[in-house]
């Protein structure tokens, strides 16, 4: 939302002092978003990647053998 406001102000208003102020706001908003996502997201490096998931759940070759 902050970025959209800055782009709109640049295109319509063209006020340079406001641009510098909103760029700082945009950087802070992005940092806040990433921090919030890191705290509340259910991130797991073992199950979050399909490559790692395939390795973990590949099973044993002995599972298909009958004795």
PDB file of N, CA and C in Angstrom:
ATOM      1  N   UNK A   1       0.829  -1.180   0.000  1.00  0.00           N
ATOM      2  CA  UNK A   1       0.000   0.000   0.000  1.00  0.00           C
ATOM      3  C   UNK A   1       0.876   1.247   0.000  1.00  0.00           C
ATOM      4  N   UNK A   2       1.954   1.212   0.783  1.00  0.00           N
ATOM      5  CA  UNK A   2       2.842   2.371   0.839  1.00  0.00           C
ATOM      6  C   UNK A   2       3.516   2.589  -0.506  1.00  0.00           C
ATOM      7  N   UNK A   3       3.909   1.496  -1.156  1.00  0.00           N
ATOM      8  CA  UNK A   3       4.556   1.617  -2.465  1.00  0.00           C
ATOM      9  C   UNK A   3       3.578   2.178  -3.504  1.00  0.00           C
ATOM     10  N   UNK A   4       2.355   1.714  -3.481  1.00  0.00           N
ATOM     11  CA  UNK A   4       1.361   2.214  -4.425  1.00  0.00           C
ATOM     12  C   UNK A   4       1.119   3.708  -4.225  1.00  0.00           C
ATOM     13  N   UNK A   5       1.106   4.147  -2.984  1.00  0.00           N
ATOM     14  CA  UNK A   5       0.933   5.563  -2.689  1.00  0.00           C
ATOM     15  C   UNK A   5       2.106   6.364  -3.231  1.00  0.00           C
ATOM     16  N   UNK A   6       3.330   5.843  -3.057  1.00  0.00           N
ATOM     17  CA  UNK A   6       4.514   6.553  -3.551  1.00  0.00           C
ATOM     18  C   UNK A   6       4.502   6.650  -5.065  1.00  0.00           C
ATOM     19  N   UNK A   7       4.181   5.564  -5.740  1.00  0.00           N
ATOM     20  CA  UNK A   7       4.148   5.574  -7.208  1.00  0.00           C
ATOM     21  C   UNK A   7       3.086   6.547  -7.703  1.00  0.00           C
ATOM     22  N   UNK A   8       1.928   6.549  -7.067  1.00  0.00           N
ATOM     23  CA  UNK A   8       0.860   7.469  -7.443  1.00  0.00           C
ATOM     24  C   UNK A   8       1.303   8.917  -7.252  1.00  0.00           C
ATOM     25  N   UNK A   9       1.922   9.209  -6.112  1.00  0.00           N
ATOM     26  CA  UNK A   9       2.371  10.578  -5.841  1.00  0.00           C
ATOM     27  C   UNK A   9       3.442  11.009  -6.834  1.00  0.00           C
ATOM     28  N   UNK A  10       4.324  10.095  -7.211  1.00  0.00           N
ATOM     29  CA  UNK A  10       5.360  10.428  -8.194  1.00  0.00           C
ATOM     30  C   UNK A  10       4.754  10.745  -9.557  1.00  0.00           C
ATOM     31  N   UNK A  11       3.762   9.993  -9.944  1.00  0.00           N
ATOM     32  CA  UNK A  11       3.180  10.168 -11.274  1.00  0.00           C
ATOM     33  C   UNK A  11       2.235  11.357 -11.346  1.00  0.00           C
ATOM     34  N   UNK A  12       1.451  11.569 -10.301  1.00  0.00           N
ATOM     35  CA  UNK A  12       0.431  12.603 -10.352  1.00  0.00           C
ATOM     36  C   UNK A  12       0.919  13.915  -9.753  1.00  0.00           C
ATOM     37  N   UNK A  13       1.438  13.861  -8.547  1.00  0.00           N
ATOM     38  CA  UNK A  13       1.803  15.073  -7.839  1.00  0.00           C
ATOM     39  C   UNK A  13       3.195  15.533  -8.237  1.00  0.00           C
ATOM     40  N   UNK A  14       4.172  14.614  -8.235  1.00  0.00           N
ATOM     41  CA  UNK A  14       5.531  14.949  -8.611  1.00  0.00           C
ATOM     42  C   UNK A  14       6.263  15.772  -7.568  1.00  0.00           C
ATOM     43  N   UNK A  15       5.965  15.575  -6.318  1.00  0.00           N
ATOM     44  CA  UNK A  15       6.562  16.331  -5.230  1.00  0.00           C
ATOM     45  C   UNK A  15       7.766  15.565  -4.702  1.00  0.00           C
ATOM     46  N   UNK A  16       8.987  16.092  -4.895  1.00  0.00           N
ATOM     47  CA  UNK A  16      10.215  15.361  -4.577  1.00  0.00           C
ATOM     48  C   UNK A  16      10.433  15.150  -3.091  1.00  0.00           C
ATOM     49  N   UNK A  17      10.073  16.098  -2.248  1.00  0.00           N
ATOM     50  CA  UNK A  17      10.274  15.929  -0.804  1.00  0.00           C
ATOM     51  C   UNK A  17       9.390  14.807  -0.268  1.00  0.00           C
ATOM     52  N   UNK A  18       8.212  14.692  -0.774  1.00  0.00           N
ATOM     53  CA  UNK A  18       7.310  13.620  -0.354  1.00  0.00           C
ATOM     54  C   UNK A  18       7.862  12.271  -0.811  1.00  0.00           C
ATOM     55  N   UNK A  19       8.523  12.246  -1.946  1.00  0.00           N
ATOM     56  CA  UNK A  19       9.100  10.999  -2.471  1.00  0.00           C
ATOM     57  C   UNK A  19      10.142  10.435  -1.509  1.00  0.00           C
ATOM     58  N   UNK A  20      11.018  11.272  -1.017  1.00  0.00           N
ATOM     59  CA  UNK A  20      12.053  10.804  -0.087  1.00  0.00           C
ATOM     60  C   UNK A  20      11.427  10.285   1.205  1.00  0.00           C
ATOM     61  N   UNK A  21      10.400  10.904   1.657  1.00  0.00           N
ATOM     62  CA  UNK A  21       9.718  10.489   2.876  1.00  0.00           C
ATOM     63  C   UNK A  21       9.030   9.141   2.673  1.00  0.00           C
ATOM     64  N   UNK A  22       8.376   8.957   1.557  1.00  0.00           N
ATOM     65  CA  UNK A  22       7.645   7.711   1.330  1.00  0.00           C
ATOM     66  C   UNK A  22       8.566   6.549   0.984  1.00  0.00           C
ATOM     67  N   UNK A  23       9.743   6.804   0.428  1.00  0.00           N
ATOM     68  CA  UNK A  23      10.692   5.717   0.168  1.00  0.00           C
ATOM     69  C   UNK A  23      11.143   5.119   1.498  1.00  0.00           C
ATOM     70  N   UNK A  24      11.409   5.981   2.484  1.00  0.00           N
ATOM     71  CA  UNK A  24      11.781   5.490   3.814  1.00  0.00           C
ATOM     72  C   UNK A  24      10.631   4.702   4.430  1.00  0.00           C
ATOM     73  N   UNK A  25       9.410   5.172   4.248  1.00  0.00           N
ATOM     74  CA  UNK A  25       8.237   4.449   4.750  1.00  0.00           C
ATOM     75  C   UNK A  25       8.090   3.099   4.064  1.00  0.00           C
ATOM     76  N   UNK A  26       8.371   3.054   2.774  1.00  0.00           N
ATOM     77  CA  UNK A  26       8.255   1.808   2.017  1.00  0.00           C
ATOM     78  C   UNK A  26       9.272   0.777   2.500  1.00  0.00           C
ATOM     79  N   UNK A  27      10.491   1.208   2.746  1.00  0.00           N
ATOM     80  CA  UNK A  27      11.528   0.298   3.232  1.00  0.00           C
ATOM     81  C   UNK A  27      11.152  -0.222   4.617  1.00  0.00           C
ATOM     82  N   UNK A  28      10.648   0.666   5.478  1.00  0.00           N
ATOM     83  CA  UNK A  28      10.246   0.245   6.819  1.00  0.00           C
ATOM     84  C   UNK A  28       9.053  -0.713   6.768  1.00  0.00           C
ATOM     85  N   UNK A  29       8.102  -0.457   5.888  1.00  0.00           N
ATOM     86  CA  UNK A  29       6.937  -1.333   5.764  1.00  0.00           C
ATOM     87  C   UNK A  29       7.351  -2.718   5.283  1.00  0.00           C
ATOM     88  N   UNK A  30       8.296  -2.792   4.348  1.00  0.00           N
ATOM     89  CA  UNK A  30       8.770  -4.084   3.858  1.00  0.00           C
ATOM     90  C   UNK A  30       9.505  -4.843   4.965  1.00  0.00           C
ATOM     91  N   UNK A  31      10.307  -4.140   5.745  1.00  0.00           N
ATOM     92  CA  UNK A  31      11.010  -4.780   6.863  1.00  0.00           C
ATOM     93  C   UNK A  31      10.016  -5.301   7.899  1.00  0.00           C
ATOM     94  N   UNK A  32       8.986  -4.523   8.194  1.00  0.00           N
ATOM     95  CA  UNK A  32       7.953  -4.957   9.141  1.00  0.00           C
ATOM     96  C   UNK A  32       7.211  -6.181   8.616  1.00  0.00           C
ATOM     97  N   UNK A  33       6.912  -6.201   7.325  1.00  0.00           N
ATOM     98  CA  UNK A  33       6.216  -7.332   6.720  1.00  0.00           C
ATOM     99  C   UNK A  33       7.049  -8.604   6.818  1.00  0.00           C
ATOM    100  N   UNK A  34       8.332  -8.505   6.471  1.00  0.00           N
ATOM    101  CA  UNK A  34       9.195  -9.684   6.540  1.00  0.00           C
ATOM    102  C   UNK A  34       9.373 -10.166   7.968  1.00  0.00           C
ATOM    103  N   UNK A  35       9.474  -9.245   8.915  1.00  0.00           N
ATOM    104  CA  UNK A  35       9.605  -9.619  10.321  1.00  0.00           C
ATOM    105  C   UNK A  35       8.341 -10.328  10.809  1.00  0.00           C
ATOM    106  N   UNK A  36       7.198  -9.782  10.464  1.00  0.00           N
ATOM    107  CA  UNK A  36       5.931 -10.391  10.872  1.00  0.00           C
ATOM    108  C   UNK A  36       5.750 -11.774  10.253  1.00  0.00           C
ATOM    109  N   UNK A  37       6.098 -11.905   8.979  1.00  0.00           N
ATOM    110  CA  UNK A  37       5.971 -13.200   8.299  1.00  0.00           C
ATOM    111  C   UNK A  37       6.914 -14.223   8.919  1.00  0.00           C
ATOM    112  N   UNK A  38       8.097 -13.790   9.301  1.00  0.00           N
ATOM    113  CA  UNK A  38       9.045 -14.702   9.928  1.00  0.00           C
ATOM    114  C   UNK A  38       8.587 -15.186  11.285  1.00  0.00           C
ATOM    115  N   UNK A  39       7.891 -14.328  12.012  1.00  0.00           N
ATOM    116  CA  UNK A  39       7.410 -14.711  13.339  1.00  0.00           C
ATOM    117  C   UNK A  39       6.151 -15.563  13.293  1.00  0.00           C
ATOM    118  N   UNK A  40       5.261 -15.285  12.356  1.00  0.00           N
ATOM    119  CA  UNK A  40       3.967 -15.969  12.345  1.00  0.00           C
ATOM    120  C   UNK A  40       3.878 -17.095  11.325  1.00  0.00           C
ATOM    121  N   UNK A  41       4.787 -17.128  10.358  1.00  0.00           N
ATOM    122  CA  UNK A  41       4.741 -18.162   9.330  1.00  0.00           C
ATOM    123  C   UNK A  41       5.137 -19.516   9.897  1.00  0.00           C
ATOM    124  N   UNK A  42       4.577 -20.546   9.349  1.00  0.00           N
ATOM    125  CA  UNK A  42       4.887 -21.910   9.788  1.00  0.00           C
ATOM    126  C   UNK A  42       5.947 -22.479   8.844  1.00  0.00           C
ATOM    127  N   UNK A  43       7.160 -21.935   8.941  1.00  0.00           N
ATOM    128  CA  UNK A  43       8.239 -22.327   8.045  1.00  0.00           C
ATOM    129  C   UNK A  43       9.002 -23.516   8.629  1.00  0.00           C
ATOM    130  N   UNK A  44       9.269 -24.499   7.786  1.00  0.00           N
ATOM    131  CA  UNK A  44       9.992 -25.680   8.213  1.00  0.00           C
ATOM    132  C   UNK A  44      10.888 -26.105   7.066  1.00  0.00           C
ATOM    133  N   UNK A  45      12.202 -26.116   7.299  1.00  0.00           N
ATOM    134  CA  UNK A  45      13.120 -26.448   6.212  1.00  0.00           C
ATOM    135  C   UNK A  45      13.057 -27.913   5.813  1.00  0.00           C
ATOM    136  N   UNK A  46      12.501 -28.763   6.648  1.00  0.00           N
ATOM    137  CA  UNK A  46      12.419 -30.181   6.299  1.00  0.00           C
ATOM    138  C   UNK A  46      11.201 -30.511   5.461  1.00  0.00           C
ATOM    139  N   UNK A  47      10.120 -29.799   5.654  1.00  0.00           N
ATOM    140  CA  UNK A  47       8.909 -30.095   4.890  1.00  0.00           C
ATOM    141  C   UNK A  47       8.520 -28.964   3.947  1.00  0.00           C
ATOM    142  N   UNK A  48       9.216 -27.842   3.993  1.00  0.00           N
ATOM    143  CA  UNK A  48       8.864 -26.707   3.150  1.00  0.00           C
ATOM    144  C   UNK A  48       9.408 -26.789   1.739  1.00  0.00           C
ATOM    145  N   UNK A  49      10.352 -27.679   1.500  1.00  0.00           N
ATOM    146  CA  UNK A  49      10.954 -27.807   0.183  1.00  0.00           C
ATOM    147  C   UNK A  49      10.608 -29.183  -0.388  1.00  0.00           C
ATOM    148  N   UNK A  50      10.156 -29.209  -1.622  1.00  0.00           N
ATOM    149  CA  UNK A  50       9.786 -30.473  -2.249  1.00  0.00           C
ATOM    150  C   UNK A  50      11.008 -31.369  -2.439  1.00  0.00           C
ATOM    151  N   UNK A  51      12.168 -30.787  -2.698  1.00  0.00           N
ATOM    152  CA  UNK A  51      13.391 -31.591  -2.859  1.00  0.00           C
ATOM    153  C   UNK A  51      13.745 -32.319  -1.580  1.00  0.00           C
ATOM    154  N   UNK A  52      13.700 -31.597  -0.457  1.00  0.00           N
ATOM    155  CA  UNK A  52      14.020 -32.211   0.831  1.00  0.00           C
ATOM    156  C   UNK A  52      12.945 -33.217   1.203  1.00  0.00           C
ATOM    157  N   UNK A  53      11.699 -32.919   0.911  1.00  0.00           N
ATOM    158  CA  UNK A  53      10.593 -33.824   1.221  1.00  0.00           C
ATOM    159  C   UNK A  53      10.775 -35.163   0.512  1.00  0.00           C
ATOM    160  N   UNK A  54      11.199 -35.118  -0.764  1.00  0.00           N
ATOM    161  CA  UNK A  54      11.414 -36.357  -1.513  1.00  0.00           C
ATOM    162  C   UNK A  54      12.535 -37.192  -0.905  1.00  0.00           C
ATOM    163  N   UNK A  55      13.587 -36.542  -0.430  1.00  0.00           N
ATOM    164  CA  UNK A  55      14.707 -37.273   0.176  1.00  0.00           C
ATOM    165  C   UNK A  55      14.280 -37.914   1.485  1.00  0.00           C
ATOM    166  N   UNK A  56      13.546 -37.182   2.295  1.00  0.00           N
ATOM    167  CA  UNK A  56      13.121 -37.695   3.604  1.00  0.00           C
ATOM    168  C   UNK A  56      12.135 -38.846   3.442  1.00  0.00           C
ATOM    169  N   UNK A  57      11.228 -38.756   2.496  1.00  0.00           N
ATOM    170  CA  UNK A  57      10.176 -39.753   2.329  1.00  0.00           C
ATOM    171  C   UNK A  57      10.443 -40.741   1.203  1.00  0.00           C
ATOM    172  N   UNK A  58      11.686 -40.948   0.851  1.00  0.00           N
ATOM    173  CA  UNK A  58      11.961 -41.856  -0.259  1.00  0.00           C
ATOM    174  C   UNK A  58      11.849 -43.316   0.136  1.00  0.00           C
ATOM    175  N   UNK A  59      11.896 -43.604   1.413  1.00  0.00           N
ATOM    176  CA  UNK A  59      11.760 -44.985   1.861  1.00  0.00           C
ATOM    177  C   UNK A  59      13.045 -45.766   1.719  1.00  0.00           C
ATOM    178  N   UNK A  60      12.997 -46.965   2.135  1.00  0.00           N
ATOM    179  CA  UNK A  60      14.156 -47.837   2.085  1.00  0.00           C
ATOM    180  C   UNK A  60      13.992 -48.831   0.946  1.00  0.00           C
ATOM    181  N   UNK A  61      15.085 -49.204   0.284  1.00  0.00           N
ATOM    182  CA  UNK A  61      14.987 -50.238  -0.752  1.00  0.00           C
ATOM    183  C   UNK A  61      14.552 -51.581  -0.183  1.00  0.00           C
ATOM    184  N   UNK A  62      14.769 -51.781   1.105  1.00  0.00           N
ATOM    185  CA  UNK A  62      14.370 -53.037   1.721  1.00  0.00           C
ATOM    186  C   UNK A  62      12.869 -53.156   1.920  1.00  0.00           C
ATOM    187  N   UNK A  63      12.152 -52.020   1.825  1.00  0.00           N
ATOM    188  CA  UNK A  63      10.692 -52.052   1.994  1.00  0.00           C
ATOM    189  C   UNK A  63      10.015 -52.850   0.880  1.00  0.00           C
ATOM    190  N   UNK A  64      10.566 -52.834  -0.311  1.00  0.00           N
ATOM    191  CA  UNK A  64       9.933 -53.533  -1.429  1.00  0.00           C
ATOM    192  C   UNK A  64      10.369 -55.004  -1.542  1.00  0.00           C
ATOM    193  N   UNK A  65      11.305 -55.430  -0.729  1.00  0.00           N
ATOM    194  CA  UNK A  65      11.791 -56.814  -0.778  1.00  0.00           C
ATOM    195  C   UNK A  65      10.974 -57.691   0.168  1.00  0.00           C
ATOM    196  N   UNK A  66      10.738 -58.880  -0.259  1.00  0.00           N
ATOM    197  CA  UNK A  66      10.063 -59.826   0.637  1.00  0.00           C
ATOM    198  C   UNK A  66      11.054 -60.900   1.043  1.00  0.00           C
ATOM    199  N   UNK A  67      11.009 -61.289   2.283  1.00  0.00           N
ATOM    200  CA  UNK A  67      11.935 -62.302   2.812  1.00  0.00           C
ATOM    201  C   UNK A  67      11.230 -63.589   3.059  1.00  0.00           C
TER     202      UNK A  67
END
